[in-house]
Amino acid sequence: MSVLENFEDWKSFLNQRIDQAQSMGMDDNTLSNIAHQMADYLADKVDPKNDQERLLKELWQSANPDQQKTLASVLVQYMDKKPQQ
């Protein structure tokens, strides 16, 4: 099963990558830029595997570039603050 098929697995995977990047010294701005690039790629190239991913794709595609940057930043902040279960 791919991490994209289960939203909780996807969030856990993303949180691990954020933790890894922060431990390497990347700041939030850099993380947001990377998240923006990843989200752009996913929205363009990957079919959503669940309702949550479909919603994120639709939000991403309906946003203008400034809104996408904000959304990417919010996603990084959300993952950074979310306690792992």
PDB file of N, CA and C in Angstrom:
ATOM      1  N   MET A   1       0.852  -1.187   0.000  1.00  0.00           N
ATOM      2  CA  MET A   1       0.000   0.000   0.000  1.00  0.00           C
ATOM      3  C   MET A   1       0.897   1.250   0.000  1.00  0.00           C
ATOM      4  N   SER A   2       0.596   2.169  -0.839  1.00  0.00           N
ATOM      5  CA  SER A   2       1.327   3.432  -0.941  1.00  0.00           C
ATOM      6  C   SER A   2       0.907   4.386   0.181  1.00  0.00           C
ATOM      7  N   VAL A   3       1.816   5.276   0.600  1.00  0.00           N
ATOM      8  CA  VAL A   3       1.449   6.280   1.600  1.00  0.00           C
ATOM      9  C   VAL A   3       0.365   7.202   1.077  1.00  0.00           C
ATOM     10  N   LEU A   4       0.190   7.254  -0.237  1.00  0.00           N
ATOM     11  CA  LEU A   4      -0.846   8.108  -0.810  1.00  0.00           C
ATOM     12  C   LEU A   4      -2.240   7.500  -0.682  1.00  0.00           C
ATOM     13  N   GLU A   5      -2.328   6.229  -0.389  1.00  0.00           N
ATOM     14  CA  GLU A   5      -3.639   5.574  -0.326  1.00  0.00           C
ATOM     15  C   GLU A   5      -4.336   5.783   1.012  1.00  0.00           C
ATOM     16  N   ASN A   6      -3.593   6.079   2.055  1.00  0.00           N
ATOM     17  CA  ASN A   6      -4.167   6.280   3.375  1.00  0.00           C
ATOM     18  C   ASN A   6      -3.729   7.650   3.875  1.00  0.00           C
ATOM     19  N   PHE A   7      -4.689   8.515   4.170  1.00  0.00           N
ATOM     20  CA  PHE A   7      -4.357   9.894   4.524  1.00  0.00           C
ATOM     21  C   PHE A   7      -3.532   9.981   5.805  1.00  0.00           C
ATOM     22  N   GLU A   8      -3.809   9.143   6.778  1.00  0.00           N
ATOM     23  CA  GLU A   8      -3.028   9.147   8.021  1.00  0.00           C
ATOM     24  C   GLU A   8      -1.583   8.746   7.748  1.00  0.00           C
ATOM     25  N   ASP A   9      -1.379   7.767   6.872  1.00  0.00           N
ATOM     26  CA  ASP A   9      -0.020   7.374   6.498  1.00  0.00           C
ATOM     27  C   ASP A   9       0.684   8.512   5.772  1.00  0.00           C
ATOM     28  N   TRP A  10      -0.059   9.208   4.909  1.00  0.00           N
ATOM     29  CA  TRP A  10       0.514  10.334   4.173  1.00  0.00           C
ATOM     30  C   TRP A  10       0.945  11.441   5.136  1.00  0.00           C
ATOM     31  N   LYS A  11       0.090  11.749   6.109  1.00  0.00           N
ATOM     32  CA  LYS A  11       0.430  12.792   7.085  1.00  0.00           C
ATOM     33  C   LYS A  11       1.648  12.379   7.908  1.00  0.00           C
ATOM     34  N   SER A  12       1.710  11.130   8.309  1.00  0.00           N
ATOM     35  CA  SER A  12       2.854  10.639   9.069  1.00  0.00           C
ATOM     36  C   SER A  12       4.135  10.732   8.240  1.00  0.00           C
ATOM     37  N   PHE A  13       4.061  10.316   6.984  1.00  0.00           N
ATOM     38  CA  PHE A  13       5.206  10.393   6.078  1.00  0.00           C
ATOM     39  C   PHE A  13       5.672  11.836   5.923  1.00  0.00           C
ATOM     40  N   LEU A  14       4.721  12.748   5.693  1.00  0.00           N
ATOM     41  CA  LEU A  14       5.058  14.154   5.515  1.00  0.00           C
ATOM     42  C   LEU A  14       5.672  14.737   6.788  1.00  0.00           C
ATOM     43  N   ASN A  15       5.116  14.385   7.932  1.00  0.00           N
ATOM     44  CA  ASN A  15       5.648  14.880   9.195  1.00  0.00           C
ATOM     45  C   ASN A  15       7.082  14.395   9.411  1.00  0.00           C
ATOM     46  N   GLN A  16       7.365  13.154   9.069  1.00  0.00           N
ATOM     47  CA  GLN A  16       8.726  12.624   9.189  1.00  0.00           C
ATOM     48  C   GLN A  16       9.690  13.391   8.294  1.00  0.00           C
ATOM     49  N   ARG A  17       9.250  13.708   7.066  1.00  0.00           N
ATOM     50  CA  ARG A  17      10.122  14.454   6.154  1.00  0.00           C
ATOM     51  C   ARG A  17      10.369  15.868   6.669  1.00  0.00           C
ATOM     52  N   ILE A  18       9.353  16.485   7.251  1.00  0.00           N
ATOM     53  CA  ILE A  18       9.516  17.830   7.812  1.00  0.00           C
ATOM     54  C   ILE A  18      10.495  17.783   8.977  1.00  0.00           C
ATOM     55  N   ASP A  19      10.333  16.811   9.863  1.00  0.00           N
ATOM     56  CA  ASP A  19      11.264  16.664  10.988  1.00  0.00           C
ATOM     57  C   ASP A  19      12.690  16.465  10.494  1.00  0.00           C
ATOM     58  N   GLN A  20      12.844  15.650   9.468  1.00  0.00           N
ATOM     59  CA  GLN A  20      14.160  15.385   8.893  1.00  0.00           C
ATOM     60  C   GLN A  20      14.769  16.668   8.318  1.00  0.00           C
ATOM     61  N   ALA A  21      13.976  17.425   7.578  1.00  0.00           N
ATOM     62  CA  ALA A  21      14.472  18.670   6.985  1.00  0.00           C
ATOM     63  C   ALA A  21      14.847  19.674   8.062  1.00  0.00           C
ATOM     64  N   GLN A  22      14.041  19.773   9.119  1.00  0.00           N
ATOM     65  CA  GLN A  22      14.354  20.702  10.208  1.00  0.00           C
ATOM     66  C   GLN A  22      15.633  20.287  10.923  1.00  0.00           C
ATOM     67  N   SER A  23      15.834  18.993  11.091  1.00  0.00           N
ATOM     68  CA  SER A  23      17.054  18.532  11.752  1.00  0.00           C
ATOM     69  C   SER A  23      18.294  18.821  10.908  1.00  0.00           C
ATOM     70  N   MET A  24      18.090  19.013   9.597  1.00  0.00           N
ATOM     71  CA  MET A  24      19.188  19.368   8.703  1.00  0.00           C
ATOM     72  C   MET A  24      19.389  20.882   8.632  1.00  0.00           C
ATOM     73  N   GLY A  25      18.571  21.626   9.392  1.00  0.00           N
ATOM     74  CA  GLY A  25      18.746  23.066   9.474  1.00  0.00           C
ATOM     75  C   GLY A  25      17.891  23.890   8.535  1.00  0.00           C
ATOM     76  N   MET A  26      16.937  23.282   7.847  1.00  0.00           N
ATOM     77  CA  MET A  26      16.075  24.050   6.946  1.00  0.00           C
ATOM     78  C   MET A  26      15.081  24.871   7.755  1.00  0.00           C
ATOM     79  N   ASP A  27      14.893  26.124   7.340  1.00  0.00           N
ATOM     80  CA  ASP A  27      13.935  26.978   8.036  1.00  0.00           C
ATOM     81  C   ASP A  27      12.544  26.815   7.441  1.00  0.00           C
ATOM     82  N   ASP A  28      11.556  27.422   8.097  1.00  0.00           N
ATOM     83  CA  ASP A  28      10.165  27.272   7.662  1.00  0.00           C
ATOM     84  C   ASP A  28       9.926  27.805   6.259  1.00  0.00           C
ATOM     85  N   ASN A  29      10.608  28.867   5.880  1.00  0.00           N
ATOM     86  CA  ASN A  29      10.444  29.424   4.543  1.00  0.00           C
ATOM     87  C   ASN A  29      10.908  28.431   3.477  1.00  0.00           C
ATOM     88  N   THR A  30      12.039  27.795   3.717  1.00  0.00           N
ATOM     89  CA  THR A  30      12.551  26.788   2.784  1.00  0.00           C
ATOM     90  C   THR A  30      11.600  25.603   2.714  1.00  0.00           C
ATOM     91  N   LEU A  31      11.113  25.178   3.870  1.00  0.00           N
ATOM     92  CA  LEU A  31      10.156  24.069   3.910  1.00  0.00           C
ATOM     93  C   LEU A  31       8.884  24.410   3.147  1.00  0.00           C
ATOM     94  N   SER A  32       8.408  25.627   3.298  1.00  0.00           N
ATOM     95  CA  SER A  32       7.202  26.054   2.579  1.00  0.00           C
ATOM     96  C   SER A  32       7.427  26.053   1.074  1.00  0.00           C
ATOM     97  N   ASN A  33       8.613  26.489   0.644  1.00  0.00           N
ATOM     98  CA  ASN A  33       8.924  26.476  -0.787  1.00  0.00           C
ATOM     99  C   ASN A  33       8.966  25.051  -1.333  1.00  0.00           C
ATOM    100  N   ILE A  34       9.547  24.141  -0.563  1.00  0.00           N
ATOM    101  CA  ILE A  34       9.591  22.736  -0.977  1.00  0.00           C
ATOM    102  C   ILE A  34       8.179  22.158  -1.007  1.00  0.00           C
ATOM    103  N   ALA A  35       7.386  22.468   0.018  1.00  0.00           N
ATOM    104  CA  ALA A  35       6.002  21.990   0.064  1.00  0.00           C
ATOM    105  C   ALA A  35       5.215  22.516  -1.135  1.00  0.00           C
ATOM    106  N   HIS A  36       5.468  23.756  -1.517  1.00  0.00           N
ATOM    107  CA  HIS A  36       4.797  24.340  -2.680  1.00  0.00           C
ATOM    108  C   HIS A  36       5.143  23.551  -3.942  1.00  0.00           C
ATOM    109  N   GLN A  37       6.411  23.255  -4.130  1.00  0.00           N
ATOM    110  CA  GLN A  37       6.839  22.494  -5.306  1.00  0.00           C
ATOM    111  C   GLN A  37       6.243  21.089  -5.308  1.00  0.00           C
ATOM    112  N   MET A  38       6.232  20.445  -4.131  1.00  0.00           N
ATOM    113  CA  MET A  38       5.668  19.100  -4.027  1.00  0.00           C
ATOM    114  C   MET A  38       4.172  19.111  -4.312  1.00  0.00           C
ATOM    115  N   ALA A  39       3.460  20.071  -3.739  1.00  0.00           N
ATOM    116  CA  ALA A  39       2.009  20.146  -3.941  1.00  0.00           C
ATOM    117  C   ALA A  39       1.682  20.416  -5.403  1.00  0.00           C
ATOM    118  N   ASP A  40       2.460  21.272  -6.028  1.00  0.00           N
ATOM    119  CA  ASP A  40       2.258  21.564  -7.445  1.00  0.00           C
ATOM    120  C   ASP A  40       2.431  20.291  -8.277  1.00  0.00           C
ATOM    121  N   TYR A  41       3.470  19.544  -7.988  1.00  0.00           N
ATOM    122  CA  TYR A  41       3.719  18.286  -8.694  1.00  0.00           C
ATOM    123  C   TYR A  41       2.579  17.292  -8.454  1.00  0.00           C
ATOM    124  N   LEU A  42       2.202  17.100  -7.184  1.00  0.00           N
ATOM    125  CA  LEU A  42       1.141  16.145  -6.855  1.00  0.00           C
ATOM    126  C   LEU A  42      -0.179  16.517  -7.523  1.00  0.00           C
ATOM    127  N   ALA A  43      -0.517  17.807  -7.497  1.00  0.00           N
ATOM    128  CA  ALA A  43      -1.777  18.252  -8.099  1.00  0.00           C
ATOM    129  C   ALA A  43      -1.785  18.018  -9.607  1.00  0.00           C
ATOM    130  N   ASP A  44      -0.613  18.113 -10.221  1.00  0.00           N
ATOM    131  CA  ASP A  44      -0.516  17.977 -11.669  1.00  0.00           C
ATOM    132  C   ASP A  44      -0.356  16.528 -12.133  1.00  0.00           C
ATOM    133  N   LYS A  45       0.346  15.707 -11.341  1.00  0.00           N
ATOM    134  CA  LYS A  45       0.777  14.396 -11.832  1.00  0.00           C
ATOM    135  C   LYS A  45       0.172  13.184 -11.124  1.00  0.00           C
ATOM    136  N   VAL A  46      -0.413  13.369  -9.940  1.00  0.00           N
ATOM    137  CA  VAL A  46      -0.840  12.220  -9.142  1.00  0.00           C
ATOM    138  C   VAL A  46      -2.346  12.268  -8.919  1.00  0.00           C
ATOM    139  N   ASP A  47      -2.999  11.157  -9.208  1.00  0.00           N
ATOM    140  CA  ASP A  47      -4.435  11.055  -8.942  1.00  0.00           C
ATOM    141  C   ASP A  47      -4.665  10.895  -7.445  1.00  0.00           C
ATOM    142  N   PRO A  48      -5.595  11.642  -6.878  1.00  0.00           N
ATOM    143  CA  PRO A  48      -5.900  11.500  -5.451  1.00  0.00           C
ATOM    144  C   PRO A  48      -6.371  10.073  -5.140  1.00  0.00           C
ATOM    145  N   LYS A  49      -5.928   9.565  -4.003  1.00  0.00           N
ATOM    146  CA  LYS A  49      -6.284   8.199  -3.608  1.00  0.00           C
ATOM    147  C   LYS A  49      -7.407   8.164  -2.577  1.00  0.00           C
ATOM    148  N   ASN A  50      -7.792   9.336  -2.054  1.00  0.00           N
ATOM    149  CA  ASN A  50      -8.849   9.373  -1.049  1.00  0.00           C
ATOM    150  C   ASN A  50      -9.496  10.757  -1.065  1.00  0.00           C
ATOM    151  N   ASP A  51     -10.556  10.896  -0.285  1.00  0.00           N
ATOM    152  CA  ASP A  51     -11.309  12.156  -0.278  1.00  0.00           C
ATOM    153  C   ASP A  51     -10.476  13.339   0.193  1.00  0.00           C
ATOM    154  N   GLN A  52      -9.621  13.119   1.173  1.00  0.00           N
ATOM    155  CA  GLN A  52      -8.805  14.218   1.695  1.00  0.00           C
ATOM    156  C   GLN A  52      -7.826  14.721   0.636  1.00  0.00           C
ATOM    157  N   GLU A  53      -7.195  13.809  -0.061  1.00  0.00           N
ATOM    158  CA  GLU A  53      -6.269  14.216  -1.115  1.00  0.00           C
ATOM    159  C   GLU A  53      -7.004  14.900  -2.259  1.00  0.00           C
ATOM    160  N   ARG A  54      -8.213  14.445  -2.548  1.00  0.00           N
ATOM    161  CA  ARG A  54      -9.012  15.084  -3.593  1.00  0.00           C
ATOM    162  C   ARG A  54      -9.336  16.525  -3.206  1.00  0.00           C
ATOM    163  N   LEU A  55      -9.705  16.738  -1.936  1.00  0.00           N
ATOM    164  CA  LEU A  55      -9.988  18.086  -1.452  1.00  0.00           C
ATOM    165  C   LEU A  55      -8.750  18.966  -1.536  1.00  0.00           C
ATOM    166  N   LEU A  56      -7.597  18.456  -1.107  1.00  0.00           N
ATOM    167  CA  LEU A  56      -6.367  19.246  -1.198  1.00  0.00           C
ATOM    168  C   LEU A  56      -6.047  19.609  -2.648  1.00  0.00           C
ATOM    169  N   LYS A  57      -6.234  18.650  -3.550  1.00  0.00           N
ATOM    170  CA  LYS A  57      -5.967  18.927  -4.971  1.00  0.00           C
ATOM    171  C   LYS A  57      -6.900  20.011  -5.494  1.00  0.00           C
ATOM    172  N   GLU A  58      -8.181  19.915  -5.140  1.00  0.00           N
ATOM    173  CA  GLU A  58      -9.144  20.909  -5.606  1.00  0.00           C
ATOM    174  C   GLU A  58      -8.851  22.292  -5.019  1.00  0.00           C
ATOM    175  N   LEU A  59      -8.482  22.339  -3.744  1.00  0.00           N
ATOM    176  CA  LEU A  59      -8.106  23.616  -3.133  1.00  0.00           C
ATOM    177  C   LEU A  59      -6.891  24.203  -3.843  1.00  0.00           C
ATOM    178  N   TRP A  60      -5.897  23.346  -4.083  1.00  0.00           N
ATOM    179  CA  TRP A  60      -4.662  23.792  -4.729  1.00  0.00           C
ATOM    180  C   TRP A  60      -4.940  24.344  -6.120  1.00  0.00           C
ATOM    181  N   GLN A  61      -5.730  23.626  -6.882  1.00  0.00           N
ATOM    182  CA  GLN A  61      -5.987  24.033  -8.261  1.00  0.00           C
ATOM    183  C   GLN A  61      -6.885  25.263  -8.354  1.00  0.00           C
ATOM    184  N   SER A  62      -7.682  25.516  -7.330  1.00  0.00           N
ATOM    185  CA  SER A  62      -8.556  26.695  -7.365  1.00  0.00           C
ATOM    186  C   SER A  62      -7.862  27.949  -6.829  1.00  0.00           C
ATOM    187  N   ALA A  63      -6.707  27.773  -6.198  1.00  0.00           N
ATOM    188  CA  ALA A  63      -5.990  28.906  -5.608  1.00  0.00           C
ATOM    189  C   ALA A  63      -5.089  29.588  -6.634  1.00  0.00           C
ATOM    190  N   ASN A  64      -4.891  30.896  -6.443  1.00  0.00           N
ATOM    191  CA  ASN A  64      -3.911  31.602  -7.266  1.00  0.00           C
ATOM    192  C   ASN A  64      -2.520  31.341  -6.667  1.00  0.00           C
ATOM    193  N   PRO A  65      -1.431  31.741  -7.346  1.00  0.00           N
ATOM    194  CA  PRO A  65      -0.088  31.446  -6.846  1.00  0.00           C
ATOM    195  C   PRO A  65       0.187  31.943  -5.421  1.00  0.00           C
ATOM    196  N   ASP A  66      -0.290  33.116  -5.065  1.00  0.00           N
ATOM    197  CA  ASP A  66      -0.081  33.616  -3.700  1.00  0.00           C
ATOM    198  C   ASP A  66      -0.832  32.762  -2.685  1.00  0.00           C
ATOM    199  N   GLN A  67      -2.040  32.366  -3.036  1.00  0.00           N
ATOM    200  CA  GLN A  67      -2.819  31.508  -2.148  1.00  0.00           C
ATOM    201  C   GLN A  67      -2.177  30.126  -2.019  1.00  0.00           C
ATOM    202  N   GLN A  68      -1.593  29.633  -3.100  1.00  0.00           N
ATOM    203  CA  GLN A  68      -0.893  28.346  -3.035  1.00  0.00           C
ATOM    204  C   GLN A  68       0.290  28.417  -2.084  1.00  0.00           C
ATOM    205  N   LYS A  69       1.034  29.521  -2.124  1.00  0.00           N
ATOM    206  CA  LYS A  69       2.158  29.688  -1.193  1.00  0.00           C
ATOM    207  C   LYS A  69       1.666  29.687   0.245  1.00  0.00           C
ATOM    208  N   THR A  70       0.554  30.357   0.474  1.00  0.00           N
ATOM    209  CA  THR A  70      -0.028  30.389   1.817  1.00  0.00           C
ATOM    210  C   THR A  70      -0.481  28.995   2.229  1.00  0.00           C
ATOM    211  N   LEU A  71      -1.144  28.288   1.335  1.00  0.00           N
ATOM    212  CA  LEU A  71      -1.607  26.940   1.637  1.00  0.00           C
ATOM    213  C   LEU A  71      -0.436  26.010   1.944  1.00  0.00           C
ATOM    214  N   ALA A  72       0.632  26.108   1.181  1.00  0.00           N
ATOM    215  CA  ALA A  72       1.822  25.290   1.429  1.00  0.00           C
ATOM    216  C   ALA A  72       2.391  25.599   2.806  1.00  0.00           C
ATOM    217  N   SER A  73       2.457  26.870   3.149  1.00  0.00           N
ATOM    218  CA  SER A  73       2.965  27.277   4.460  1.00  0.00           C
ATOM    219  C   SER A  73       2.072  26.747   5.585  1.00  0.00           C
ATOM    220  N   VAL A  74       0.767  26.824   5.397  1.00  0.00           N
ATOM    221  CA  VAL A  74      -0.179  26.324   6.401  1.00  0.00           C
ATOM    222  C   VAL A  74      -0.024  24.811   6.560  1.00  0.00           C
ATOM    223  N   LEU A  75       0.148  24.090   5.465  1.00  0.00           N
ATOM    224  CA  LEU A  75       0.328  22.642   5.553  1.00  0.00           C
ATOM    225  C   LEU A  75       1.587  22.278   6.329  1.00  0.00           C
ATOM    226  N   VAL A  76       2.680  22.997   6.079  1.00  0.00           N
ATOM    227  CA  VAL A  76       3.915  22.739   6.828  1.00  0.00           C
ATOM    228  C   VAL A  76       3.701  23.036   8.307  1.00  0.00           C
ATOM    229  N   GLN A  77       3.070  24.153   8.602  1.00  0.00           N
ATOM    230  CA  GLN A  77       2.810  24.511   9.998  1.00  0.00           C
ATOM    231  C   GLN A  77       1.893  23.481  10.654  1.00  0.00           C
ATOM    232  N   TYR A  78       0.857  23.057   9.952  1.00  0.00           N
ATOM    233  CA  TYR A  78      -0.066  22.054  10.477  1.00  0.00           C
ATOM    234  C   TYR A  78       0.675  20.753  10.811  1.00  0.00           C
ATOM    235  N   MET A  79       1.514  20.308   9.894  1.00  0.00           N
ATOM    236  CA  MET A  79       2.237  19.054  10.119  1.00  0.00           C
ATOM    237  C   MET A  79       3.253  19.194  11.235  1.00  0.00           C
ATOM    238  N   ASP A  80       3.868  20.343  11.358  1.00  0.00           N
ATOM    239  CA  ASP A  80       4.878  20.572  12.381  1.00  0.00           C
ATOM    240  C   ASP A  80       4.264  20.613  13.784  1.00  0.00           C
ATOM    241  N   LYS A  81       3.031  21.057  13.878  1.00  0.00           N
ATOM    242  CA  LYS A  81       2.382  21.206  15.188  1.00  0.00           C
ATOM    243  C   LYS A  81       1.516  20.014  15.549  1.00  0.00           C
ATOM    244  N   LYS A  82       1.242  19.136  14.596  1.00  0.00           N
ATOM    245  CA  LYS A  82       0.321  18.025  14.826  1.00  0.00           C
ATOM    246  C   LYS A  82       0.986  16.938  15.661  1.00  0.00           C
ATOM    247  N   PRO A  83       0.411  16.595  16.804  1.00  0.00           N
ATOM    248  CA  PRO A  83       0.991  15.481  17.583  1.00  0.00           C
ATOM    249  C   PRO A  83       0.771  14.161  16.860  1.00  0.00           C
ATOM    250  N   GLN A  84       1.769  13.310  16.891  1.00  0.00           N
ATOM    251  CA  GLN A  84       1.662  11.997  16.259  1.00  0.00           C
ATOM    252  C   GLN A  84       0.907  11.051  17.176  1.00  0.00           C
ATOM    253  N   GLN A  85       0.050  10.231  16.600  1.00  0.00           N
ATOM    254  CA  GLN A  85      -0.767   9.295  17.373  1.00  0.00           C
ATOM    255  C   GLN A  85      -0.138   7.936  17.391  1.00  0.00           C
TER     256      GLN A  85
END
